[in-house]
Amino acid sequence: MRAALFITCFNDTLFPATGIAVVRLLERLGVQVDFPLEQTCCGQMHLNSGYAREAVPLMRRFVRVFADADVVVSPSASCVGMVRDQYPKLAASSGDPALVREVDELAPRVLELTELLVDRLGVTDVGAYYPHRVTYHPTCHGLRGLSLGERPLALLRAVRGIDLVELAEASECCGFGGTFAVKNADTSAAMLADKLSHVLATGASVCTAGDNSCLMHIGGGLRRMGAPVRAVHLAEILASTEERTRAT
């Protein structure tokens, strides 16, 4: 299989280790990974802030950059949700029939990382080793937008050495919500406080998720508390091996 990596601007700017982990993981599984350098923001931030017109050129660019890809993979349920759920509506509002067709053809080929692993590659045991106590937060876009369900947990359960503990009230939002955390700071902080209390109650040393945006929110809260818990993207856990652990 050959896959094009849509890293997202958020990861590219703030969490490049996640993209490296995705490539390491997929290549270990025999996937050839392309990285189109022309990719930029998918436009989610613009659309969510009410700037639909400004998001259209970014959608056009995405379609052009990834048009020839057999499959596009991303370590972000949030951005995949933007492409699959919002692009068709945005394209329809543009009044451009050609763009509508291009989006309809491409959008189903854009997959979140766990969808590619479980549904397309048919694997849950990816050969990972991660000897830590871990709890998993299902992000809103992954849980409700893409309906990822048990895919991430199935992958985590197959990791050797892991002590995977259940997170209470896991389906509750962490309070990030992109610009929601800025526009509704008090509400966001209250939601985060609830999430952090549940994370700490697990006794885990690592909180993982499939979106670095939510992990940034959770991780920031944990650091401000001085809590001994790290926020680590799911891809980094799945890319870890016993050999790499010994080397570091």
C-alpha atoms as a PDB file:
ATOM      1  CA  MET A   1       0.000   0.000   0.000  1.00  0.00           C
ATOM      2  CA  ARG A   2       1.044   3.572  -0.676  1.00  0.00           C
ATOM      3  CA  ALA A   3      -0.351   6.344   1.537  1.00  0.00           C
ATOM      4  CA  ALA A   4      -0.001  10.111   1.512  1.00  0.00           C
ATOM      5  CA  LEU A   5       0.522  11.636   4.945  1.00  0.00           C
ATOM      6  CA  PHE A   6      -1.639  14.631   5.812  1.00  0.00           C
ATOM      7  CA  ILE A   7       0.190  15.781   8.912  1.00  0.00           C
ATOM      8  CA  THR A   8      -2.022  18.851   9.586  1.00  0.00           C
ATOM      9  CA  CYS A   9      -0.616  22.312  10.250  1.00  0.00           C
ATOM     10  CA  PHE A  10      -1.107  21.906  14.009  1.00  0.00           C
ATOM     11  CA  ASN A  11       1.139  18.854  14.178  1.00  0.00           C
ATOM     12  CA  ASP A  12       3.637  20.229  11.691  1.00  0.00           C
ATOM     13  CA  THR A  13       4.089  23.391  13.741  1.00  0.00           C
ATOM     14  CA  LEU A  14       3.840  22.140  17.309  1.00  0.00           C
ATOM     15  CA  PHE A  15       4.122  18.342  17.408  1.00  0.00           C
ATOM     16  CA  PRO A  16       6.432  17.117  14.604  1.00  0.00           C
ATOM     17  CA  ALA A  17       7.291  13.972  16.596  1.00  0.00           C
ATOM     18  CA  THR A  18       3.805  12.688  15.842  1.00  0.00           C
ATOM     19  CA  GLY A  19       4.384  12.799  12.092  1.00  0.00           C
ATOM     20  CA  ILE A  20       7.727  11.051  12.494  1.00  0.00           C
ATOM     21  CA  ALA A  21       6.013   8.363  14.555  1.00  0.00           C
ATOM     22  CA  VAL A  22       3.329   7.831  11.899  1.00  0.00           C
ATOM     23  CA  VAL A  23       5.944   7.349   9.187  1.00  0.00           C
ATOM     24  CA  ARG A  24       8.009   4.997  11.354  1.00  0.00           C
ATOM     25  CA  LEU A  25       4.934   2.949  12.223  1.00  0.00           C
ATOM     26  CA  LEU A  26       3.541   2.673   8.704  1.00  0.00           C
ATOM     27  CA  GLU A  27       6.884   1.861   7.112  1.00  0.00           C
ATOM     28  CA  ARG A  28       7.371  -0.885   9.709  1.00  0.00           C
ATOM     29  CA  LEU A  29       4.074  -2.324   8.489  1.00  0.00           C
ATOM     30  CA  GLY A  30       5.180  -2.205   4.854  1.00  0.00           C
ATOM     31  CA  VAL A  31       3.330   0.957   3.810  1.00  0.00           C
ATOM     32  CA  GLN A  32       5.081   3.364   1.453  1.00  0.00           C
ATOM     33  CA  VAL A  33       4.514   6.866   2.783  1.00  0.00           C
ATOM     34  CA  ASP A  34       4.500  10.013   0.661  1.00  0.00           C
ATOM     35  CA  PHE A  35       4.584  13.488   2.150  1.00  0.00           C
ATOM     36  CA  PRO A  36       3.347  16.175  -0.256  1.00  0.00           C
ATOM     37  CA  LEU A  37       5.268  19.301   0.681  1.00  0.00           C
ATOM     38  CA  GLU A  38       2.596  21.595  -0.767  1.00  0.00           C
ATOM     39  CA  GLN A  39       0.045  20.706   1.906  1.00  0.00           C
ATOM     40  CA  THR A  40      -1.145  23.418   4.285  1.00  0.00           C
ATOM     41  CA  CYS A  41      -4.061  23.979   6.673  1.00  0.00           C
ATOM     42  CA  CYS A  42      -7.311  22.165   5.853  1.00  0.00           C
ATOM     43  CA  GLY A  43      -9.297  25.276   6.771  1.00  0.00           C
ATOM     44  CA  GLN A  44     -11.032  23.897   9.843  1.00  0.00           C
ATOM     45  CA  MET A  45     -10.078  26.840  12.039  1.00  0.00           C
ATOM     46  CA  HIS A  46     -11.438  29.271   9.479  1.00  0.00           C
ATOM     47  CA  LEU A  47     -14.718  27.420   9.003  1.00  0.00           C
ATOM     48  CA  ASN A  48     -15.287  26.921  12.730  1.00  0.00           C
ATOM     49  CA  SER A  49     -14.715  30.638  13.283  1.00  0.00           C
ATOM     50  CA  GLY A  50     -17.329  31.590  10.697  1.00  0.00           C
ATOM     51  CA  TYR A  51     -15.001  32.300   7.776  1.00  0.00           C
ATOM     52  CA  ALA A  52     -16.387  29.785   5.294  1.00  0.00           C
ATOM     53  CA  ARG A  53     -15.412  31.841   2.238  1.00  0.00           C
ATOM     54  CA  GLU A  54     -11.795  31.976   3.413  1.00  0.00           C
ATOM     55  CA  ALA A  55     -11.763  28.205   3.926  1.00  0.00           C
ATOM     56  CA  VAL A  56     -12.647  27.459   0.279  1.00  0.00           C
ATOM     57  CA  PRO A  57      -9.178  28.229  -1.186  1.00  0.00           C
ATOM     58  CA  LEU A  58      -7.622  25.950   1.433  1.00  0.00           C
ATOM     59  CA  MET A  59     -10.058  23.193   0.467  1.00  0.00           C
ATOM     60  CA  ARG A  60      -9.153  23.661  -3.196  1.00  0.00           C
ATOM     61  CA  ARG A  61      -5.478  23.376  -2.338  1.00  0.00           C
ATOM     62  CA  PHE A  62      -6.046  20.207  -0.308  1.00  0.00           C
ATOM     63  CA  VAL A  63      -7.948  18.609  -3.173  1.00  0.00           C
ATOM     64  CA  ARG A  64      -5.229  19.534  -5.655  1.00  0.00           C
ATOM     65  CA  VAL A  65      -2.354  18.342  -3.447  1.00  0.00           C
ATOM     66  CA  PHE A  66      -3.898  14.968  -2.566  1.00  0.00           C
ATOM     67  CA  ALA A  67      -5.919  14.294  -5.734  1.00  0.00           C
ATOM     68  CA  ASP A  68      -3.680  11.472  -6.953  1.00  0.00           C
ATOM     69  CA  ALA A  69      -3.277   9.703  -3.606  1.00  0.00           C
ATOM     70  CA  ASP A  70      -4.702   6.197  -3.309  1.00  0.00           C
ATOM     71  CA  VAL A  71      -5.308   6.866   0.381  1.00  0.00           C
ATOM     72  CA  VAL A  72      -4.597   9.831   2.635  1.00  0.00           C
ATOM     73  CA  VAL A  73      -3.807   9.168   6.305  1.00  0.00           C
ATOM     74  CA  SER A  74      -3.750  11.657   9.159  1.00  0.00           C
ATOM     75  CA  PRO A  75      -3.065  11.445  12.914  1.00  0.00           C
ATOM     76  CA  SER A  76      -5.930  13.846  13.569  1.00  0.00           C
ATOM     77  CA  ALA A  77      -9.581  12.865  13.759  1.00  0.00           C
ATOM     78  CA  SER A  78     -10.415  16.552  13.908  1.00  0.00           C
ATOM     79  CA  CYS A  79      -8.913  17.391  10.523  1.00  0.00           C
ATOM     80  CA  VAL A  80     -10.112  14.161   8.905  1.00  0.00           C
ATOM     81  CA  GLY A  81     -13.589  15.066  10.112  1.00  0.00           C
ATOM     82  CA  MET A  82     -13.219  18.454   8.460  1.00  0.00           C
ATOM     83  CA  VAL A  83     -12.425  16.833   5.113  1.00  0.00           C
ATOM     84  CA  ARG A  84     -15.017  14.066   5.227  1.00  0.00           C
ATOM     85  CA  ASP A  85     -17.894  15.903   6.897  1.00  0.00           C
ATOM     86  CA  GLN A  86     -17.440  19.577   6.086  1.00  0.00           C
ATOM     87  CA  TYR A  87     -15.731  19.642   2.680  1.00  0.00           C
ATOM     88  CA  PRO A  88     -18.795  18.279   0.821  1.00  0.00           C
ATOM     89  CA  LYS A  89     -20.969  21.022   2.344  1.00  0.00           C
ATOM     90  CA  LEU A  90     -18.341  23.683   1.740  1.00  0.00           C
ATOM     91  CA  ALA A  91     -17.866  22.579  -1.858  1.00  0.00           C
ATOM     92  CA  ALA A  92     -21.622  22.650  -2.459  1.00  0.00           C
ATOM     93  CA  SER A  93     -21.796  26.199  -1.118  1.00  0.00           C
ATOM     94  CA  SER A  94     -19.038  27.295  -3.521  1.00  0.00           C
ATOM     95  CA  GLY A  95     -21.283  26.814  -6.534  1.00  0.00           C
ATOM     96  CA  ASP A  96     -18.512  24.971  -8.391  1.00  0.00           C
ATOM     97  CA  PRO A  97     -19.746  21.592  -9.728  1.00  0.00           C
ATOM     98  CA  ALA A  98     -16.205  20.476 -10.584  1.00  0.00           C
ATOM     99  CA  LEU A  99     -15.069  21.092  -7.023  1.00  0.00           C
ATOM    100  CA  VAL A 100     -18.054  19.163  -5.697  1.00  0.00           C
ATOM    101  CA  ARG A 101     -17.084  16.157  -7.827  1.00  0.00           C
ATOM    102  CA  GLU A 102     -13.431  16.357  -6.780  1.00  0.00           C
ATOM    103  CA  VAL A 103     -14.335  16.495  -3.100  1.00  0.00           C
ATOM    104  CA  ASP A 104     -16.799  13.616  -3.445  1.00  0.00           C
ATOM    105  CA  GLU A 105     -14.064  11.505  -5.041  1.00  0.00           C
ATOM    106  CA  LEU A 106     -11.320  12.357  -2.547  1.00  0.00           C
ATOM    107  CA  ALA A 107     -13.066  12.643   0.822  1.00  0.00           C
ATOM    108  CA  PRO A 108     -13.770   8.885   1.296  1.00  0.00           C
ATOM    109  CA  ARG A 109     -10.057   8.167   0.755  1.00  0.00           C
ATOM    110  CA  VAL A 110      -9.031  10.363   3.687  1.00  0.00           C
ATOM    111  CA  LEU A 111      -8.619   8.207   6.791  1.00  0.00           C
ATOM    112  CA  GLU A 112      -7.673   8.716  10.397  1.00  0.00           C
ATOM    113  CA  LEU A 113      -4.655   6.644  11.439  1.00  0.00           C
ATOM    114  CA  THR A 114      -6.556   3.956  13.363  1.00  0.00           C
ATOM    115  CA  GLU A 115      -9.011   3.538  10.484  1.00  0.00           C
ATOM    116  CA  LEU A 116      -6.129   2.839   8.133  1.00  0.00           C
ATOM    117  CA  LEU A 117      -4.522   0.374  10.526  1.00  0.00           C
ATOM    118  CA  VAL A 118      -7.608  -1.583  11.534  1.00  0.00           C
ATOM    119  CA  ASP A 119      -9.880  -1.288   8.493  1.00  0.00           C
ATOM    120  CA  ARG A 120      -7.476  -1.128   5.560  1.00  0.00           C
ATOM    121  CA  LEU A 121      -4.413  -3.003   6.839  1.00  0.00           C
ATOM    122  CA  GLY A 122      -6.440  -5.360   9.027  1.00  0.00           C
ATOM    123  CA  VAL A 123      -4.070  -5.185  12.001  1.00  0.00           C
ATOM    124  CA  THR A 124      -4.422  -4.415  15.681  1.00  0.00           C
ATOM    125  CA  ASP A 125      -1.050  -5.770  16.833  1.00  0.00           C
ATOM    126  CA  VAL A 126       1.441  -3.424  15.197  1.00  0.00           C
ATOM    127  CA  GLY A 127       4.462  -4.806  17.053  1.00  0.00           C
ATOM    128  CA  ALA A 128       4.556  -2.004  19.617  1.00  0.00           C
ATOM    129  CA  TYR A 129       6.126  -2.112  23.073  1.00  0.00           C
ATOM    130  CA  TYR A 130       5.351   0.558  25.661  1.00  0.00           C
ATOM    131  CA  PRO A 131       5.975  -0.371  29.322  1.00  0.00           C
ATOM    132  CA  HIS A 132       3.894   2.351  30.960  1.00  0.00           C
ATOM    133  CA  ARG A 133       0.548   2.788  32.684  1.00  0.00           C
ATOM    134  CA  VAL A 134      -1.650   4.506  30.091  1.00  0.00           C
ATOM    135  CA  THR A 135      -5.167   5.881  29.942  1.00  0.00           C
ATOM    136  CA  TYR A 136      -6.977   6.784  26.731  1.00  0.00           C
ATOM    137  CA  HIS A 137      -9.095   9.882  26.061  1.00  0.00           C
ATOM    138  CA  PRO A 138     -11.406   9.491  23.023  1.00  0.00           C
ATOM    139  CA  THR A 139     -11.579  12.918  21.413  1.00  0.00           C
ATOM    140  CA  CYS A 140     -14.937  14.334  20.360  1.00  0.00           C
ATOM    141  CA  HIS A 141     -14.162  14.254  16.630  1.00  0.00           C
ATOM    142  CA  GLY A 142     -12.924  10.685  16.851  1.00  0.00           C
ATOM    143  CA  LEU A 143     -15.746   9.466  19.064  1.00  0.00           C
ATOM    144  CA  ARG A 144     -18.718  11.290  17.609  1.00  0.00           C
ATOM    145  CA  GLY A 145     -17.503  12.650  14.282  1.00  0.00           C
ATOM    146  CA  LEU A 146     -15.730   9.621  12.824  1.00  0.00           C
ATOM    147  CA  SER A 147     -17.197   6.939  15.129  1.00  0.00           C
ATOM    148  CA  LEU A 148     -13.795   5.357  15.666  1.00  0.00           C
ATOM    149  CA  GLY A 149     -15.254   3.202  18.406  1.00  0.00           C
ATOM    150  CA  GLU A 150     -12.983   0.420  19.623  1.00  0.00           C
ATOM    151  CA  ARG A 151     -10.260   0.857  16.990  1.00  0.00           C
ATOM    152  CA  PRO A 152      -7.856   2.904  19.132  1.00  0.00           C
ATOM    153  CA  LEU A 153      -8.433   0.740  22.191  1.00  0.00           C
ATOM    154  CA  ALA A 154      -7.935  -2.487  20.215  1.00  0.00           C
ATOM    155  CA  LEU A 155      -4.587  -1.168  19.030  1.00  0.00           C
ATOM    156  CA  LEU A 156      -3.580  -0.134  22.551  1.00  0.00           C
ATOM    157  CA  ARG A 157      -4.606  -3.458  24.096  1.00  0.00           C
ATOM    158  CA  ALA A 158      -2.256  -5.266  21.711  1.00  0.00           C
ATOM    159  CA  VAL A 159       0.767  -3.189  22.783  1.00  0.00           C
ATOM    160  CA  ARG A 160       3.247  -5.295  24.732  1.00  0.00           C
ATOM    161  CA  GLY A 161       4.202  -4.110  28.200  1.00  0.00           C
ATOM    162  CA  ILE A 162       1.384  -1.585  28.448  1.00  0.00           C
ATOM    163  CA  ASP A 163      -0.851  -1.252  31.496  1.00  0.00           C
ATOM    164  CA  LEU A 164      -3.991   0.193  29.937  1.00  0.00           C
ATOM    165  CA  VAL A 165      -6.436   1.607  32.473  1.00  0.00           C
ATOM    166  CA  GLU A 166      -9.961   2.823  31.820  1.00  0.00           C
ATOM    167  CA  LEU A 167     -10.704   6.530  32.043  1.00  0.00           C
ATOM    168  CA  ALA A 168     -13.887   7.427  33.913  1.00  0.00           C
ATOM    169  CA  GLU A 169     -16.360   9.601  31.982  1.00  0.00           C
ATOM    170  CA  ALA A 170     -14.104   9.090  28.981  1.00  0.00           C
ATOM    171  CA  SER A 171     -16.677  10.298  26.464  1.00  0.00           C
ATOM    172  CA  GLU A 172     -16.883  13.743  28.069  1.00  0.00           C
ATOM    173  CA  CYS A 173     -15.204  16.577  26.138  1.00  0.00           C
ATOM    174  CA  CYS A 174     -11.899  17.876  27.506  1.00  0.00           C
ATOM    175  CA  GLY A 175     -13.014  21.457  26.844  1.00  0.00           C
ATOM    176  CA  PHE A 176     -10.605  22.381  24.071  1.00  0.00           C
ATOM    177  CA  GLY A 177     -12.806  22.591  20.999  1.00  0.00           C
ATOM    178  CA  GLY A 178     -10.373  24.734  19.040  1.00  0.00           C
ATOM    179  CA  THR A 179     -11.410  28.377  19.357  1.00  0.00           C
ATOM    180  CA  PHE A 180     -14.001  27.331  21.977  1.00  0.00           C
ATOM    181  CA  ALA A 181     -11.222  27.290  24.586  1.00  0.00           C
ATOM    182  CA  VAL A 182     -10.426  30.921  23.739  1.00  0.00           C
ATOM    183  CA  LYS A 183     -13.954  32.273  23.314  1.00  0.00           C
ATOM    184  CA  ASN A 184     -15.375  30.393  26.307  1.00  0.00           C
ATOM    185  CA  ALA A 185     -12.351  30.184  28.566  1.00  0.00           C
ATOM    186  CA  ASP A 186     -14.181  29.744  31.871  1.00  0.00           C
ATOM    187  CA  THR A 187     -16.390  26.929  30.578  1.00  0.00           C
ATOM    188  CA  SER A 188     -13.408  25.296  28.895  1.00  0.00           C
ATOM    189  CA  ALA A 189     -11.369  25.452  32.116  1.00  0.00           C
ATOM    190  CA  ALA A 190     -14.186  23.843  34.095  1.00  0.00           C
ATOM    191  CA  MET A 191     -14.490  21.014  31.574  1.00  0.00           C
ATOM    192  CA  LEU A 192     -10.731  20.537  31.640  1.00  0.00           C
ATOM    193  CA  ALA A 193     -10.706  20.356  35.435  1.00  0.00           C
ATOM    194  CA  ASP A 194     -13.188  17.474  35.324  1.00  0.00           C
ATOM    195  CA  LYS A 195     -11.118  15.657  32.704  1.00  0.00           C
ATOM    196  CA  LEU A 196      -7.889  16.115  34.666  1.00  0.00           C
ATOM    197  CA  SER A 197      -9.422  14.744  37.848  1.00  0.00           C
ATOM    198  CA  HIS A 198     -10.437  11.579  36.005  1.00  0.00           C
ATOM    199  CA  VAL A 199      -7.003  11.248  34.394  1.00  0.00           C
ATOM    200  CA  LEU A 200      -5.253  11.587  37.748  1.00  0.00           C
ATOM    201  CA  ALA A 201      -7.617   9.058  39.359  1.00  0.00           C
ATOM    202  CA  THR A 202      -6.353   6.356  37.001  1.00  0.00           C
ATOM    203  CA  GLY A 203      -2.816   6.547  38.381  1.00  0.00           C
ATOM    204  CA  ALA A 204      -1.555   6.537  34.792  1.00  0.00           C
ATOM    205  CA  SER A 205       1.778   8.071  33.874  1.00  0.00           C
ATOM    206  CA  VAL A 206       0.602   8.717  30.300  1.00  0.00           C
ATOM    207  CA  CYS A 207      -2.624  10.085  28.848  1.00  0.00           C
ATOM    208  CA  THR A 208      -3.017   9.345  25.164  1.00  0.00           C
ATOM    209  CA  ALA A 209      -5.438  10.361  22.419  1.00  0.00           C
ATOM    210  CA  GLY A 210      -5.632  10.596  18.633  1.00  0.00           C
ATOM    211  CA  ASP A 211      -5.610  14.408  18.445  1.00  0.00           C
ATOM    212  CA  ASN A 212      -2.726  16.564  19.613  1.00  0.00           C
ATOM    213  CA  SER A 213      -5.047  19.544  19.974  1.00  0.00           C
ATOM    214  CA  CYS A 214      -6.847  17.861  22.871  1.00  0.00           C
ATOM    215  CA  LEU A 215      -3.584  16.482  24.234  1.00  0.00           C
ATOM    216  CA  MET A 216      -2.110  19.983  24.252  1.00  0.00           C
ATOM    217  CA  HIS A 217      -5.080  21.154  26.321  1.00  0.00           C
ATOM    218  CA  ILE A 218      -4.909  18.205  28.719  1.00  0.00           C
ATOM    219  CA  GLY A 219      -1.123  18.209  28.880  1.00  0.00           C
ATOM    220  CA  GLY A 220      -1.008  21.917  29.598  1.00  0.00           C
ATOM    221  CA  GLY A 221      -3.396  21.477  32.482  1.00  0.00           C
ATOM    222  CA  LEU A 222      -1.360  18.595  33.880  1.00  0.00           C
ATOM    223  CA  ARG A 223       1.867  20.591  33.682  1.00  0.00           C
ATOM    224  CA  ARG A 224       0.338  23.590  35.446  1.00  0.00           C
ATOM    225  CA  MET A 225      -0.711  21.251  38.258  1.00  0.00           C
ATOM    226  CA  GLY A 226       2.754  19.753  38.443  1.00  0.00           C
ATOM    227  CA  ALA A 227       1.213  16.320  37.863  1.00  0.00           C
ATOM    228  CA  PRO A 228       3.577  13.475  36.881  1.00  0.00           C
ATOM    229  CA  VAL A 229       1.501  12.552  33.823  1.00  0.00           C
ATOM    230  CA  ARG A 230       2.575  13.051  30.204  1.00  0.00           C
ATOM    231  CA  ALA A 231       0.294  13.611  27.229  1.00  0.00           C
ATOM    232  CA  VAL A 232       1.470  11.379  24.353  1.00  0.00           C
ATOM    233  CA  HIS A 233      -0.135  10.921  20.938  1.00  0.00           C
ATOM    234  CA  LEU A 234      -1.375   7.421  20.137  1.00  0.00           C
ATOM    235  CA  ALA A 235       0.914   7.241  17.096  1.00  0.00           C
ATOM    236  CA  GLU A 236       3.986   7.643  19.292  1.00  0.00           C
ATOM    237  CA  ILE A 237       2.913   4.731  21.477  1.00  0.00           C
ATOM    238  CA  LEU A 238       2.201   2.504  18.476  1.00  0.00           C
ATOM    239  CA  ALA A 239       5.538   3.420  16.888  1.00  0.00           C
ATOM    240  CA  SER A 240       7.486   2.449  20.021  1.00  0.00           C
ATOM    241  CA  THR A 241       9.325  -0.862  20.033  1.00  0.00           C
ATOM    242  CA  GLU A 242      11.391  -2.751  22.557  1.00  0.00           C
ATOM    243  CA  GLU A 243      14.511  -2.104  20.499  1.00  0.00           C
ATOM    244  CA  ARG A 244      13.957   1.653  20.443  1.00  0.00           C
ATOM    245  CA  THR A 245      13.123   1.677  24.156  1.00  0.00           C
ATOM    246  CA  ARG A 246      16.424  -0.021  24.966  1.00  0.00           C
ATOM    247  CA  ALA A 247      18.297   2.389  22.696  1.00  0.00           C
ATOM    248  CA  THR A 248      16.922   5.391  24.548  1.00  0.00           C
END
